Amino acid sequence: MMKPETQIKQRPTSIEQLLTHENQVLRALPLHEGSIASAPVYPRPVVETALRHQAAQVVFAHNHPGGIAQPSDDDITITHTLVSVFDALAIPVVDHIIVAGPRTFSMAEAGLLRAAVAHRAGGVL
């Protein structure tokens, strides 16, 4: 799903993949190419893009040029913010994938997509 050049970028780069209900990719769009240490993501333009292209689902991805395929605290925080915002719009966030060279980390597989959202809602989604 992700373009190979994303895996070798030397700066943090974030991508939003917009999907249909059938998991077909509508668009894979860059969100932001960051500085050497970070790539900030702002929810409003991310949501606007998904709505403009009528996405039924979204997947986020970004790279860690340093080679560590583990989410930072900031990665987890922005993911939970995006999941909350998209949940309010009934657009599921399918995953947030971190690419670090040949290694990847799936927040969905690790159970990190909904963990904080459930905690903030008192354990009920």
PDB file of N, CA and C in Angstrom:
ATOM      1  N   MET A   1       0.809  -1.186   0.000  1.00  0.00           N
ATOM      2  CA  MET A   1       0.000   0.000   0.000  1.00  0.00           C
ATOM      3  C   MET A   1       0.860   1.260   0.000  1.00  0.00           C
ATOM      4  N   MET A   2       1.954   1.285   0.761  1.00  0.00           N
ATOM      5  CA  MET A   2       2.779   2.480   0.789  1.00  0.00           C
ATOM      6  C   MET A   2       3.806   2.440  -0.323  1.00  0.00           C
ATOM      7  N   LYS A   3       4.154   3.615  -0.810  1.00  0.00           N
ATOM      8  CA  LYS A   3       5.157   3.695  -1.850  1.00  0.00           C
ATOM      9  C   LYS A   3       6.527   3.378  -1.258  1.00  0.00           C
ATOM     10  N   PRO A   4       7.377   2.670  -1.993  1.00  0.00           N
ATOM     11  CA  PRO A   4       8.689   2.312  -1.478  1.00  0.00           C
ATOM     12  C   PRO A   4       9.537   3.512  -1.085  1.00  0.00           C
ATOM     13  N   GLU A   5       9.404   4.644  -1.787  1.00  0.00           N
ATOM     14  CA  GLU A   5      10.254   5.783  -1.448  1.00  0.00           C
ATOM     15  C   GLU A   5       9.964   6.328  -0.059  1.00  0.00           C
ATOM     16  N   THR A   6       8.769   6.061   0.485  1.00  0.00           N
ATOM     17  CA  THR A   6       8.449   6.493   1.833  1.00  0.00           C
ATOM     18  C   THR A   6       9.357   5.800   2.842  1.00  0.00           C
ATOM     19  N   GLN A   7       9.728   4.579   2.536  1.00  0.00           N
ATOM     20  CA  GLN A   7      10.529   3.807   3.463  1.00  0.00           C
ATOM     21  C   GLN A   7      11.970   4.312   3.564  1.00  0.00           C
ATOM     22  N   ILE A   8      12.442   5.084   2.608  1.00  0.00           N
ATOM     23  CA  ILE A   8      13.833   5.491   2.637  1.00  0.00           C
ATOM     24  C   ILE A   8      14.020   6.998   2.833  1.00  0.00           C
ATOM     25  N   LYS A   9      12.969   7.723   3.100  1.00  0.00           N
ATOM     26  CA  LYS A   9      13.077   9.154   3.351  1.00  0.00           C
ATOM     27  C   LYS A   9      13.972   9.389   4.569  1.00  0.00           C
ATOM     28  N   GLN A  10      14.756  10.453   4.503  1.00  0.00           N
ATOM     29  CA  GLN A  10      15.657  10.777   5.605  1.00  0.00           C
ATOM     30  C   GLN A  10      15.007  11.691   6.635  1.00  0.00           C
ATOM     31  N   ARG A  11      13.860  12.246   6.309  1.00  0.00           N
ATOM     32  CA  ARG A  11      13.118  13.082   7.242  1.00  0.00           C
ATOM     33  C   ARG A  11      11.798  12.392   7.547  1.00  0.00           C
ATOM     34  N   PRO A  12      11.259  12.642   8.745  1.00  0.00           N
ATOM     35  CA  PRO A  12       9.955  12.061   9.055  1.00  0.00           C
ATOM     36  C   PRO A  12       8.900  12.535   8.052  1.00  0.00           C
ATOM     37  N   THR A  13       8.161  11.609   7.509  1.00  0.00           N
ATOM     38  CA  THR A  13       7.129  11.903   6.520  1.00  0.00           C
ATOM     39  C   THR A  13       5.855  11.164   6.915  1.00  0.00           C
ATOM     40  N   SER A  14       4.731  11.871   6.907  1.00  0.00           N
ATOM     41  CA  SER A  14       3.439  11.270   7.255  1.00  0.00           C
ATOM     42  C   SER A  14       2.578  11.159   6.010  1.00  0.00           C
ATOM     43  N   ILE A  15       1.815  10.062   5.950  1.00  0.00           N
ATOM     44  CA  ILE A  15       0.943   9.790   4.803  1.00  0.00           C
ATOM     45  C   ILE A  15      -0.441   9.422   5.316  1.00  0.00           C
ATOM     46  N   GLU A  16      -1.458   9.882   4.602  1.00  0.00           N
ATOM     47  CA  GLU A  16      -2.845   9.519   4.871  1.00  0.00           C
ATOM     48  C   GLU A  16      -3.341   8.713   3.675  1.00  0.00           C
ATOM     49  N   GLN A  17      -3.781   7.491   3.941  1.00  0.00           N
ATOM     50  CA  GLN A  17      -4.349   6.666   2.879  1.00  0.00           C
ATOM     51  C   GLN A  17      -5.854   6.633   3.065  1.00  0.00           C
ATOM     52  N   LEU A  18      -6.558   7.016   2.014  1.00  0.00           N
ATOM     53  CA  LEU A  18      -8.011   7.081   2.047  1.00  0.00           C
ATOM     54  C   LEU A  18      -8.569   5.845   1.360  1.00  0.00           C
ATOM     55  N   LEU A  19      -9.474   5.155   2.043  1.00  0.00           N
ATOM     56  CA  LEU A  19      -9.992   3.879   1.555  1.00  0.00           C
ATOM     57  C   LEU A  19     -11.497   3.915   1.353  1.00  0.00           C
ATOM     58  N   THR A  20     -11.962   3.022   0.473  1.00  0.00           N
ATOM     59  CA  THR A  20     -13.395   2.777   0.311  1.00  0.00           C
ATOM     60  C   THR A  20     -13.834   1.777   1.385  1.00  0.00           C
ATOM     61  N   HIS A  21     -15.131   1.477   1.426  1.00  0.00           N
ATOM     62  CA  HIS A  21     -15.634   0.447   2.344  1.00  0.00           C
ATOM     63  C   HIS A  21     -15.032  -0.919   2.034  1.00  0.00           C
ATOM     64  N   GLU A  22     -14.623  -1.137   0.781  1.00  0.00           N
ATOM     65  CA  GLU A  22     -14.057  -2.416   0.348  1.00  0.00           C
ATOM     66  C   GLU A  22     -12.536  -2.448   0.480  1.00  0.00           C
ATOM     67  N   ASN A  23     -11.961  -1.495   1.201  1.00  0.00           N
ATOM     68  CA  ASN A  23     -10.508  -1.395   1.413  1.00  0.00           C
ATOM     69  C   ASN A  23      -9.721  -1.074   0.149  1.00  0.00           C
ATOM     70  N   GLN A  24     -10.367  -0.521  -0.849  1.00  0.00           N
ATOM     71  CA  GLN A  24      -9.664  -0.056  -2.042  1.00  0.00           C
ATOM     72  C   GLN A  24      -9.089   1.321  -1.749  1.00  0.00           C
ATOM     73  N   VAL A  25      -7.855   1.567  -2.159  1.00  0.00           N
ATOM     74  CA  VAL A  25      -7.216   2.854  -1.909  1.00  0.00           C
ATOM     75  C   VAL A  25      -7.766   3.890  -2.890  1.00  0.00           C
ATOM     76  N   LEU A  26      -8.373   4.933  -2.334  1.00  0.00           N
ATOM     77  CA  LEU A  26      -8.833   6.062  -3.150  1.00  0.00           C
ATOM     78  C   LEU A  26      -7.655   6.978  -3.466  1.00  0.00           C
ATOM     79  N   ARG A  27      -6.896   7.279  -2.438  1.00  0.00           N
ATOM     80  CA  ARG A  27      -5.735   8.159  -2.557  1.00  0.00           C
ATOM     81  C   ARG A  27      -4.764   7.842  -1.422  1.00  0.00           C
ATOM     82  N   ALA A  28      -3.489   8.031  -1.699  1.00  0.00           N
ATOM     83  CA  ALA A  28      -2.451   8.005  -0.672  1.00  0.00           C
ATOM     84  C   ALA A  28      -1.751   9.355  -0.778  1.00  0.00           C
ATOM     85  N   LEU A  29      -1.964  10.195   0.223  1.00  0.00           N
ATOM     86  CA  LEU A  29      -1.510  11.579   0.151  1.00  0.00           C
ATOM     87  C   LEU A  29      -0.523  11.912   1.250  1.00  0.00           C
ATOM     88  N   PRO A  30       0.517  12.655   0.928  1.00  0.00           N
ATOM     89  CA  PRO A  30       1.434  13.092   1.982  1.00  0.00           C
ATOM     90  C   PRO A  30       0.739  14.106   2.883  1.00  0.00           C
ATOM     91  N   LEU A  31       0.944  13.959   4.182  1.00  0.00           N
ATOM     92  CA  LEU A  31       0.400  14.924   5.134  1.00  0.00           C
ATOM     93  C   LEU A  31       1.426  16.002   5.431  1.00  0.00           C
ATOM     94  N   HIS A  32       2.648  15.547   5.685  1.00  0.00           N
ATOM     95  CA  HIS A  32       3.671  16.501   6.075  1.00  0.00           C
ATOM     96  C   HIS A  32       5.037  15.835   6.027  1.00  0.00           C
ATOM     97  N   GLU A  33       6.005  16.561   5.528  1.00  0.00           N
ATOM     98  CA  GLU A  33       7.398  16.122   5.657  1.00  0.00           C
ATOM     99  C   GLU A  33       8.010  17.023   6.705  1.00  0.00           C
ATOM    100  N   GLY A  34       8.545  16.415   7.734  1.00  0.00           N
ATOM    101  CA  GLY A  34       8.989  17.180   8.886  1.00  0.00           C
ATOM    102  C   GLY A  34      10.446  17.574   8.861  1.00  0.00           C
ATOM    103  N   SER A  35      10.860  18.023  10.010  1.00  0.00           N
ATOM    104  CA  SER A  35      12.267  18.362  10.218  1.00  0.00           C
ATOM    105  C   SER A  35      13.012  17.063  10.497  1.00  0.00           C
ATOM    106  N   ILE A  36      14.226  17.171  10.903  1.00  0.00           N
ATOM    107  CA  ILE A  36      15.026  15.973  11.173  1.00  0.00           C
ATOM    108  C   ILE A  36      14.399  15.117  12.273  1.00  0.00           C
ATOM    109  N   ALA A  37      13.742  15.754  13.252  1.00  0.00           N
ATOM    110  CA  ALA A  37      13.249  15.005  14.403  1.00  0.00           C
ATOM    111  C   ALA A  37      11.744  14.797  14.469  1.00  0.00           C
ATOM    112  N   SER A  38      10.954  15.554  13.699  1.00  0.00           N
ATOM    113  CA  SER A  38       9.513  15.401  13.849  1.00  0.00           C
ATOM    114  C   SER A  38       8.759  15.821  12.591  1.00  0.00           C
ATOM    115  N   ALA A  39       7.530  15.336  12.499  1.00  0.00           N
ATOM    116  CA  ALA A  39       6.632  15.711  11.399  1.00  0.00           C
ATOM    117  C   ALA A  39       5.256  15.958  12.005  1.00  0.00           C
ATOM    118  N   PRO A  40       4.976  17.195  12.397  1.00  0.00           N
ATOM    119  CA  PRO A  40       3.695  17.462  13.048  1.00  0.00           C
ATOM    120  C   PRO A  40       2.509  17.200  12.124  1.00  0.00           C
ATOM    121  N   VAL A  41       1.441  16.702  12.711  1.00  0.00           N
ATOM    122  CA  VAL A  41       0.212  16.424  11.977  1.00  0.00           C
ATOM    123  C   VAL A  41      -0.907  17.191  12.674  1.00  0.00           C
ATOM    124  N   TYR A  42      -1.682  17.937  11.893  1.00  0.00           N
ATOM    125  CA  TYR A  42      -2.775  18.728  12.428  1.00  0.00           C
ATOM    126  C   TYR A  42      -4.097  18.104  11.989  1.00  0.00           C
ATOM    127  N   PRO A  43      -4.982  17.772  12.941  1.00  0.00           N
ATOM    128  CA  PRO A  43      -6.202  17.035  12.610  1.00  0.00           C
ATOM    129  C   PRO A  43      -7.110  17.712  11.583  1.00  0.00           C
ATOM    130  N   ARG A  44      -7.274  19.017  11.633  1.00  0.00           N
ATOM    131  CA  ARG A  44      -8.243  19.669  10.744  1.00  0.00           C
ATOM    132  C   ARG A  44      -7.974  19.403   9.261  1.00  0.00           C
ATOM    133  N   PRO A  45      -6.772  19.669   8.727  1.00  0.00           N
ATOM    134  CA  PRO A  45      -6.569  19.382   7.299  1.00  0.00           C
ATOM    135  C   PRO A  45      -6.635  17.892   6.965  1.00  0.00           C
ATOM    136  N   VAL A  46      -6.293  17.042   7.927  1.00  0.00           N
ATOM    137  CA  VAL A  46      -6.380  15.591   7.709  1.00  0.00           C
ATOM    138  C   VAL A  46      -7.846  15.189   7.506  1.00  0.00           C
ATOM    139  N   VAL A  47      -8.712  15.702   8.368  1.00  0.00           N
ATOM    140  CA  VAL A  47     -10.142  15.412   8.265  1.00  0.00           C
ATOM    141  C   VAL A  47     -10.724  16.022   6.998  1.00  0.00           C
ATOM    142  N   GLU A  48     -10.366  17.262   6.702  1.00  0.00           N
ATOM    143  CA  GLU A  48     -10.877  17.915   5.487  1.00  0.00           C
ATOM    144  C   GLU A  48     -10.539  17.104   4.234  1.00  0.00           C
ATOM    145  N   THR A  49      -9.325  16.587   4.179  1.00  0.00           N
ATOM    146  CA  THR A  49      -8.907  15.786   3.024  1.00  0.00           C
ATOM    147  C   THR A  49      -9.751  14.513   2.913  1.00  0.00           C
ATOM    148  N   ALA A  50      -9.955  13.838   4.026  1.00  0.00           N
ATOM    149  CA  ALA A  50     -10.747  12.606   4.013  1.00  0.00           C
ATOM    150  C   ALA A  50     -12.184  12.882   3.568  1.00  0.00           C
ATOM    151  N   LEU A  51     -12.752  13.959   4.057  1.00  0.00           N
ATOM    152  CA  LEU A  51     -14.123  14.300   3.676  1.00  0.00           C
ATOM    153  C   LEU A  51     -14.205  14.717   2.211  1.00  0.00           C
ATOM    154  N   ARG A  52     -13.236  15.507   1.746  1.00  0.00           N
ATOM    155  CA  ARG A  52     -13.233  15.961   0.353  1.00  0.00           C
ATOM    156  C   ARG A  52     -13.203  14.783  -0.614  1.00  0.00           C
ATOM    157  N   HIS A  53     -12.470  13.736  -0.269  1.00  0.00           N
ATOM    158  CA  HIS A  53     -12.330  12.579  -1.153  1.00  0.00           C
ATOM    159  C   HIS A  53     -13.322  11.462  -0.810  1.00  0.00           C
ATOM    160  N   GLN A  54     -14.235  11.734   0.104  1.00  0.00           N
ATOM    161  CA  GLN A  54     -15.288  10.798   0.502  1.00  0.00           C
ATOM    162  C   GLN A  54     -14.739   9.446   0.963  1.00  0.00           C
ATOM    163  N   ALA A  55     -13.723   9.508   1.795  1.00  0.00           N
ATOM    164  CA  ALA A  55     -13.131   8.281   2.328  1.00  0.00           C
ATOM    165  C   ALA A  55     -14.093   7.604   3.293  1.00  0.00           C
ATOM    166  N   ALA A  56     -14.160   6.293   3.202  1.00  0.00           N
ATOM    167  CA  ALA A  56     -14.966   5.504   4.125  1.00  0.00           C
ATOM    168  C   ALA A  56     -14.129   5.052   5.319  1.00  0.00           C
ATOM    169  N   GLN A  57     -12.811   4.969   5.124  1.00  0.00           N
ATOM    170  CA  GLN A  57     -11.866   4.532   6.148  1.00  0.00           C
ATOM    171  C   GLN A  57     -10.532   5.220   5.879  1.00  0.00           C
ATOM    172  N   VAL A  58      -9.684   5.288   6.895  1.00  0.00           N
ATOM    173  CA  VAL A  58      -8.360   5.866   6.689  1.00  0.00           C
ATOM    174  C   VAL A  58      -7.281   5.023   7.370  1.00  0.00           C
ATOM    175  N   VAL A  59      -6.098   5.093   6.794  1.00  0.00           N
ATOM    176  CA  VAL A  59      -4.900   4.485   7.373  1.00  0.00           C
ATOM    177  C   VAL A  59      -3.847   5.588   7.395  1.00  0.00           C
ATOM    178  N   PHE A  60      -3.166   5.715   8.511  1.00  0.00           N
ATOM    179  CA  PHE A  60      -2.065   6.666   8.611  1.00  0.00           C
ATOM    180  C   PHE A  60      -0.761   5.894   8.631  1.00  0.00           C
ATOM    181  N   ALA A  61       0.268   6.512   8.116  1.00  0.00           N
ATOM    182  CA  ALA A  61       1.591   5.896   8.130  1.00  0.00           C
ATOM    183  C   ALA A  61       2.624   7.005   8.205  1.00  0.00           C
ATOM    184  N   HIS A  62       3.716   6.705   8.853  1.00  0.00           N
ATOM    185  CA  HIS A  62       4.852   7.622   8.840  1.00  0.00           C
ATOM    186  C   HIS A  62       6.117   6.831   9.084  1.00  0.00           C
ATOM    187  N   ASN A  63       7.227   7.465   8.748  1.00  0.00           N
ATOM    188  CA  ASN A  63       8.491   6.769   8.897  1.00  0.00           C
ATOM    189  C   ASN A  63       9.264   7.287  10.107  1.00  0.00           C
ATOM    190  N   HIS A  64      10.149   6.449  10.587  1.00  0.00           N
ATOM    191  CA  HIS A  64      11.120   6.809  11.604  1.00  0.00           C
ATOM    192  C   HIS A  64      12.493   6.615  10.978  1.00  0.00           C
ATOM    193  N   PRO A  65      13.071   7.688  10.436  1.00  0.00           N
ATOM    194  CA  PRO A  65      14.358   7.557   9.748  1.00  0.00           C
ATOM    195  C   PRO A  65      15.480   7.007  10.627  1.00  0.00           C
ATOM    196  N   GLY A  66      15.338   7.132  11.932  1.00  0.00           N
ATOM    197  CA  GLY A  66      16.353   6.624  12.845  1.00  0.00           C
ATOM    198  C   GLY A  66      16.395   5.115  12.939  1.00  0.00           C
ATOM    199  N   GLY A  67      15.393   4.448  12.361  1.00  0.00           N
ATOM    200  CA  GLY A  67      15.419   2.993  12.307  1.00  0.00           C
ATOM    201  C   GLY A  67      14.693   2.271  13.418  1.00  0.00           C
ATOM    202  N   ILE A  68      14.048   2.989  14.332  1.00  0.00           N
ATOM    203  CA  ILE A  68      13.347   2.342  15.445  1.00  0.00           C
ATOM    204  C   ILE A  68      11.858   2.285  15.133  1.00  0.00           C
ATOM    205  N   ALA A  69      11.350   1.091  14.962  1.00  0.00           N
ATOM    206  CA  ALA A  69       9.942   0.893  14.587  1.00  0.00           C
ATOM    207  C   ALA A  69       9.075   0.749  15.834  1.00  0.00           C
ATOM    208  N   GLN A  70       9.084   1.757  16.676  1.00  0.00           N
ATOM    209  CA  GLN A  70       8.248   1.814  17.869  1.00  0.00           C
ATOM    210  C   GLN A  70       7.629   3.204  17.935  1.00  0.00           C
ATOM    211  N   PRO A  71       6.375   3.308  18.366  1.00  0.00           N
ATOM    212  CA  PRO A  71       5.749   4.624  18.440  1.00  0.00           C
ATOM    213  C   PRO A  71       6.294   5.440  19.609  1.00  0.00           C
ATOM    214  N   SER A  72       6.464   6.730  19.372  1.00  0.00           N
ATOM    215  CA  SER A  72       6.834   7.647  20.449  1.00  0.00           C
ATOM    216  C   SER A  72       5.564   8.028  21.199  1.00  0.00           C
ATOM    217  N   ASP A  73       5.709   8.707  22.321  1.00  0.00           N
ATOM    218  CA  ASP A  73       4.543   9.206  23.047  1.00  0.00           C
ATOM    219  C   ASP A  73       3.737  10.154  22.164  1.00  0.00           C
ATOM    220  N   ASP A  74       4.429  11.001  21.390  1.00  0.00           N
ATOM    221  CA  ASP A  74       3.737  11.918  20.474  1.00  0.00           C
ATOM    222  C   ASP A  74       2.977  11.157  19.396  1.00  0.00           C
ATOM    223  N   ASP A  75       3.558  10.073  18.880  1.00  0.00           N
ATOM    224  CA  ASP A  75       2.872   9.246  17.874  1.00  0.00           C
ATOM    225  C   ASP A  75       1.558   8.706  18.442  1.00  0.00           C
ATOM    226  N   ILE A  76       1.607   8.213  19.654  1.00  0.00           N
ATOM    227  CA  ILE A  76       0.418   7.641  20.291  1.00  0.00           C
ATOM    228  C   ILE A  76      -0.626   8.724  20.550  1.00  0.00           C
ATOM    229  N   THR A  77      -0.168   9.885  21.020  1.00  0.00           N
ATOM    230  CA  THR A  77      -1.096  10.984  21.311  1.00  0.00           C
ATOM    231  C   THR A  77      -1.828  11.448  20.061  1.00  0.00           C
ATOM    232  N   ILE A  78      -1.099  11.707  18.969  1.00  0.00           N
ATOM    233  CA  ILE A  78      -1.766  12.183  17.749  1.00  0.00           C
ATOM    234  C   ILE A  78      -2.670  11.095  17.167  1.00  0.00           C
ATOM    235  N   THR A  79      -2.268   9.850  17.294  1.00  0.00           N
ATOM    236  CA  THR A  79      -3.114   8.756  16.802  1.00  0.00           C
ATOM    237  C   THR A  79      -4.434   8.725  17.557  1.00  0.00           C
ATOM    238  N   HIS A  80      -4.385   8.849  18.867  1.00  0.00           N
ATOM    239  CA  HIS A  80      -5.614   8.833  19.659  1.00  0.00           C
ATOM    240  C   HIS A  80      -6.493  10.040  19.346  1.00  0.00           C
ATOM    241  N   THR A  81      -5.866  11.184  19.107  1.00  0.00           N
ATOM    242  CA  THR A  81      -6.632  12.373  18.714  1.00  0.00           C
ATOM    243  C   THR A  81      -7.339  12.129  17.383  1.00  0.00           C
ATOM    244  N   LEU A  82      -6.598  11.605  16.401  1.00  0.00           N
ATOM    245  CA  LEU A  82      -7.188  11.345  15.091  1.00  0.00           C
ATOM    246  C   LEU A  82      -8.296  10.296  15.170  1.00  0.00           C
ATOM    247  N   VAL A  83      -8.089   9.240  15.940  1.00  0.00           N
ATOM    248  CA  VAL A  83      -9.114   8.200  16.091  1.00  0.00           C
ATOM    249  C   VAL A  83     -10.381   8.815  16.689  1.00  0.00           C
ATOM    250  N   SER A  84     -10.240   9.653  17.698  1.00  0.00           N
ATOM    251  CA  SER A  84     -11.408  10.289  18.323  1.00  0.00           C
ATOM    252  C   SER A  84     -12.169  11.168  17.338  1.00  0.00           C
ATOM    253  N   VAL A  85     -11.423  11.979  16.588  1.00  0.00           N
ATOM    254  CA  VAL A  85     -12.052  12.884  15.620  1.00  0.00           C
ATOM    255  C   VAL A  85     -12.760  12.089  14.526  1.00  0.00           C
ATOM    256  N   PHE A  86     -12.077  11.093  13.981  1.00  0.00           N
ATOM    257  CA  PHE A  86     -12.678  10.306  12.905  1.00  0.00           C
ATOM    258  C   PHE A  86     -13.839   9.446  13.411  1.00  0.00           C
ATOM    259  N   ASP A  87     -13.760   8.958  14.644  1.00  0.00           N
ATOM    260  CA  ASP A  87     -14.886   8.212  15.215  1.00  0.00           C
ATOM    261  C   ASP A  87     -16.141   9.080  15.255  1.00  0.00           C
ATOM    262  N   ALA A  88     -15.981  10.357  15.595  1.00  0.00           N
ATOM    263  CA  ALA A  88     -17.123  11.269  15.655  1.00  0.00           C
ATOM    264  C   ALA A  88     -17.769  11.442  14.286  1.00  0.00           C
ATOM    265  N   LEU A  89     -17.012  11.217  13.224  1.00  0.00           N
ATOM    266  CA  LEU A  89     -17.514  11.343  11.857  1.00  0.00           C
ATOM    267  C   LEU A  89     -17.901   9.995  11.246  1.00  0.00           C
ATOM    268  N   ALA A  90     -17.818   8.930  12.044  1.00  0.00           N
ATOM    269  CA  ALA A  90     -18.126   7.564  11.593  1.00  0.00           C
ATOM    270  C   ALA A  90     -17.212   7.129  10.445  1.00  0.00           C
ATOM    271  N   ILE A  91     -15.953   7.555  10.502  1.00  0.00           N
ATOM    272  CA  ILE A  91     -14.933   7.130   9.531  1.00  0.00           C
ATOM    273  C   ILE A  91     -13.873   6.377  10.339  1.00  0.00           C
ATOM    274  N   PRO A  92     -13.836   5.067  10.238  1.00  0.00           N
ATOM    275  CA  PRO A  92     -12.879   4.303  11.037  1.00  0.00           C
ATOM    276  C   PRO A  92     -11.421   4.553  10.624  1.00  0.00           C
ATOM    277  N   VAL A  93     -10.574   4.632  11.636  1.00  0.00           N
ATOM    278  CA  VAL A  93      -9.124   4.622  11.411  1.00  0.00           C
ATOM    279  C   VAL A  93      -8.724   3.154  11.502  1.00  0.00           C
ATOM    280  N   VAL A  94      -8.269   2.605  10.402  1.00  0.00           N
ATOM    281  CA  VAL A  94      -7.956   1.183  10.313  1.00  0.00           C
ATOM    282  C   VAL A  94      -6.621   0.871  10.984  1.00  0.00           C
ATOM    283  N   ASP A  95      -5.642   1.755  10.795  1.00  0.00           N
ATOM    284  CA  ASP A  95      -4.319   1.505  11.369  1.00  0.00           C
ATOM    285  C   ASP A  95      -3.481   2.775  11.284  1.00  0.00           C
ATOM    286  N   HIS A  96      -2.428   2.783  12.069  1.00  0.00           N
ATOM    287  CA  HIS A  96      -1.361   3.775  11.959  1.00  0.00           C
ATOM    288  C   HIS A  96      -0.077   2.954  11.959  1.00  0.00           C
ATOM    289  N   ILE A  97       0.624   2.995  10.849  1.00  0.00           N
ATOM    290  CA  ILE A  97       1.795   2.149  10.638  1.00  0.00           C
ATOM    291  C   ILE A  97       3.050   3.002  10.694  1.00  0.00           C
ATOM    292  N   ILE A  98       4.037   2.508  11.407  1.00  0.00           N
ATOM    293  CA  ILE A  98       5.343   3.163  11.467  1.00  0.00           C
ATOM    294  C   ILE A  98       6.318   2.314  10.670  1.00  0.00           C
ATOM    295  N   VAL A  99       7.036   2.968   9.769  1.00  0.00           N
ATOM    296  CA  VAL A  99       8.023   2.288   8.925  1.00  0.00           C
ATOM    297  C   VAL A  99       9.403   2.767   9.352  1.00  0.00           C
ATOM    298  N   ALA A 100      10.280   1.828   9.629  1.00  0.00           N
ATOM    299  CA  ALA A 100      11.661   2.148  10.003  1.00  0.00           C
ATOM    300  C   ALA A 100      12.571   1.203   9.224  1.00  0.00           C
ATOM    301  N   GLY A 101      12.983   1.647   8.035  1.00  0.00           N
ATOM    302  CA  GLY A 101      13.769   0.771   7.170  1.00  0.00           C
ATOM    303  C   GLY A 101      12.935  -0.439   6.804  1.00  0.00           C
ATOM    304  N   PRO A 102      13.451  -1.632   7.017  1.00  0.00           N
ATOM    305  CA  PRO A 102      12.698  -2.836   6.659  1.00  0.00           C
ATOM    306  C   PRO A 102      11.679  -3.252   7.729  1.00  0.00           C
ATOM    307  N   ARG A 103      11.686  -2.577   8.876  1.00  0.00           N
ATOM    308  CA  ARG A 103      10.790  -2.943   9.972  1.00  0.00           C
ATOM    309  C   ARG A 103       9.550  -2.050   9.975  1.00  0.00           C
ATOM    310  N   THR A 104       8.438  -2.624  10.413  1.00  0.00           N
ATOM    311  CA  THR A 104       7.201  -1.864  10.549  1.00  0.00           C
ATOM    312  C   THR A 104       6.568  -2.142  11.907  1.00  0.00           C
ATOM    313  N   PHE A 105       5.714  -1.232  12.325  1.00  0.00           N
ATOM    314  CA  PHE A 105       4.958  -1.381  13.573  1.00  0.00           C
ATOM    315  C   PHE A 105       3.524  -0.976  13.283  1.00  0.00           C
ATOM    316  N   SER A 106       2.583  -1.833  13.591  1.00  0.00           N
ATOM    317  CA  SER A 106       1.162  -1.567  13.398  1.00  0.00           C
ATOM    318  C   SER A 106       0.529  -1.243  14.746  1.00  0.00           C
ATOM    319  N   MET A 107      -0.001  -0.033  14.866  1.00  0.00           N
ATOM    320  CA  MET A 107      -0.676   0.332  16.116  1.00  0.00           C
ATOM    321  C   MET A 107      -1.946  -0.483  16.307  1.00  0.00           C
ATOM    322  N   ALA A 108      -2.596  -0.857  15.204  1.00  0.00           N
ATOM    323  CA  ALA A 108      -3.794  -1.696  15.314  1.00  0.00           C
ATOM    324  C   ALA A 108      -3.435  -3.066  15.892  1.00  0.00           C
ATOM    325  N   GLU A 109      -2.390  -3.686  15.341  1.00  0.00           N
ATOM    326  CA  GLU A 109      -1.978  -5.012  15.828  1.00  0.00           C
ATOM    327  C   GLU A 109      -1.527  -4.963  17.281  1.00  0.00           C
ATOM    328  N   ALA A 110      -0.934  -3.840  17.695  1.00  0.00           N
ATOM    329  CA  ALA A 110      -0.450  -3.700  19.068  1.00  0.00           C
ATOM    330  C   ALA A 110      -1.571  -3.287  20.033  1.00  0.00           C
ATOM    331  N   GLY A 111      -2.774  -3.042  19.506  1.00  0.00           N
ATOM    332  CA  GLY A 111      -3.893  -2.651  20.353  1.00  0.00           C
ATOM    333  C   GLY A 111      -3.832  -1.206  20.815  1.00  0.00           C
ATOM    334  N   LEU A 112      -3.081  -0.373  20.116  1.00  0.00           N
ATOM    335  CA  LEU A 112      -2.904   1.020  20.543  1.00  0.00           C
ATOM    336  C   LEU A 112      -3.884   2.001  19.907  1.00  0.00           C
ATOM    337  N   LEU A 113      -4.649   1.589  18.915  1.00  0.00           N
ATOM    338  CA  LEU A 113      -5.571   2.530  18.271  1.00  0.00           C
ATOM    339  C   LEU A 113      -6.678   2.974  19.209  1.00  0.00           C
ATOM    340  N   ARG A 114      -7.236   2.069  19.929  1.00  0.00           N
ATOM    341  CA  ARG A 114      -8.423   2.376  20.727  1.00  0.00           C
ATOM    342  C   ARG A 114      -8.164   2.424  22.225  1.00  0.00           C
ATOM    343  N   ALA A 115      -6.967   2.092  22.671  1.00  0.00           N
ATOM    344  CA  ALA A 115      -6.686   1.990  24.103  1.00  0.00           C
ATOM    345  C   ALA A 115      -7.002   3.275  24.856  1.00  0.00           C
ATOM    346  N   ALA A 116      -6.460   4.403  24.442  1.00  0.00           N
ATOM    347  CA  ALA A 116      -6.667   5.655  25.155  1.00  0.00           C
ATOM    348  C   ALA A 116      -8.077   6.182  24.934  1.00  0.00           C
ATOM    349  N   VAL A 117      -8.650   5.937  23.773  1.00  0.00           N
ATOM    350  CA  VAL A 117     -10.011   6.401  23.503  1.00  0.00           C
ATOM    351  C   VAL A 117     -10.970   5.697  24.471  1.00  0.00           C
ATOM    352  N   ALA A 118     -10.788   4.395  24.663  1.00  0.00           N
ATOM    353  CA  ALA A 118     -11.628   3.633  25.595  1.00  0.00           C
ATOM    354  C   ALA A 118     -11.423   4.127  27.018  1.00  0.00           C
ATOM    355  N   HIS A 119     -10.190   4.436  27.376  1.00  0.00           N
ATOM    356  CA  HIS A 119      -9.903   4.917  28.735  1.00  0.00           C
ATOM    357  C   HIS A 119     -10.595   6.260  28.980  1.00  0.00           C
ATOM    358  N   ARG A 120     -10.529   7.173  28.007  1.00  0.00           N
ATOM    359  CA  ARG A 120     -11.166   8.498  28.157  1.00  0.00           C
ATOM    360  C   ARG A 120     -12.680   8.370  28.219  1.00  0.00           C
ATOM    361  N   ALA A 121     -13.241   7.342  27.604  1.00  0.00           N
ATOM    362  CA  ALA A 121     -14.689   7.157  27.601  1.00  0.00           C
ATOM    363  C   ALA A 121     -15.138   6.313  28.783  1.00  0.00           C
ATOM    364  N   GLY A 122     -14.266   6.082  29.735  1.00  0.00           N
ATOM    365  CA  GLY A 122     -14.628   5.275  30.901  1.00  0.00           C
ATOM    366  C   GLY A 122     -14.686   3.796  30.599  1.00  0.00           C
ATOM    367  N   GLY A 123     -13.934   3.358  29.584  1.00  0.00           N
ATOM    368  CA  GLY A 123     -13.880   1.942  29.246  1.00  0.00           C
ATOM    369  C   GLY A 123     -14.977   1.490  28.306  1.00  0.00           C
ATOM    370  N   VAL A 124     -15.822   2.412  27.866  1.00  0.00           N
ATOM    371  CA  VAL A 124     -16.926   2.053  26.982  1.00  0.00           C
ATOM    372  C   VAL A 124     -16.753   2.796  25.663  1.00  0.00           C
ATOM    373  N   LEU A 125     -16.843   2.054  24.570  1.00  0.00           N
ATOM    374  CA  LEU A 125     -16.795   2.695  23.252  1.00  0.00           C
ATOM    375  C   LEU A 125     -18.154   2.668  22.612  1.00  0.00           C
TER     376      LEU A 125
END
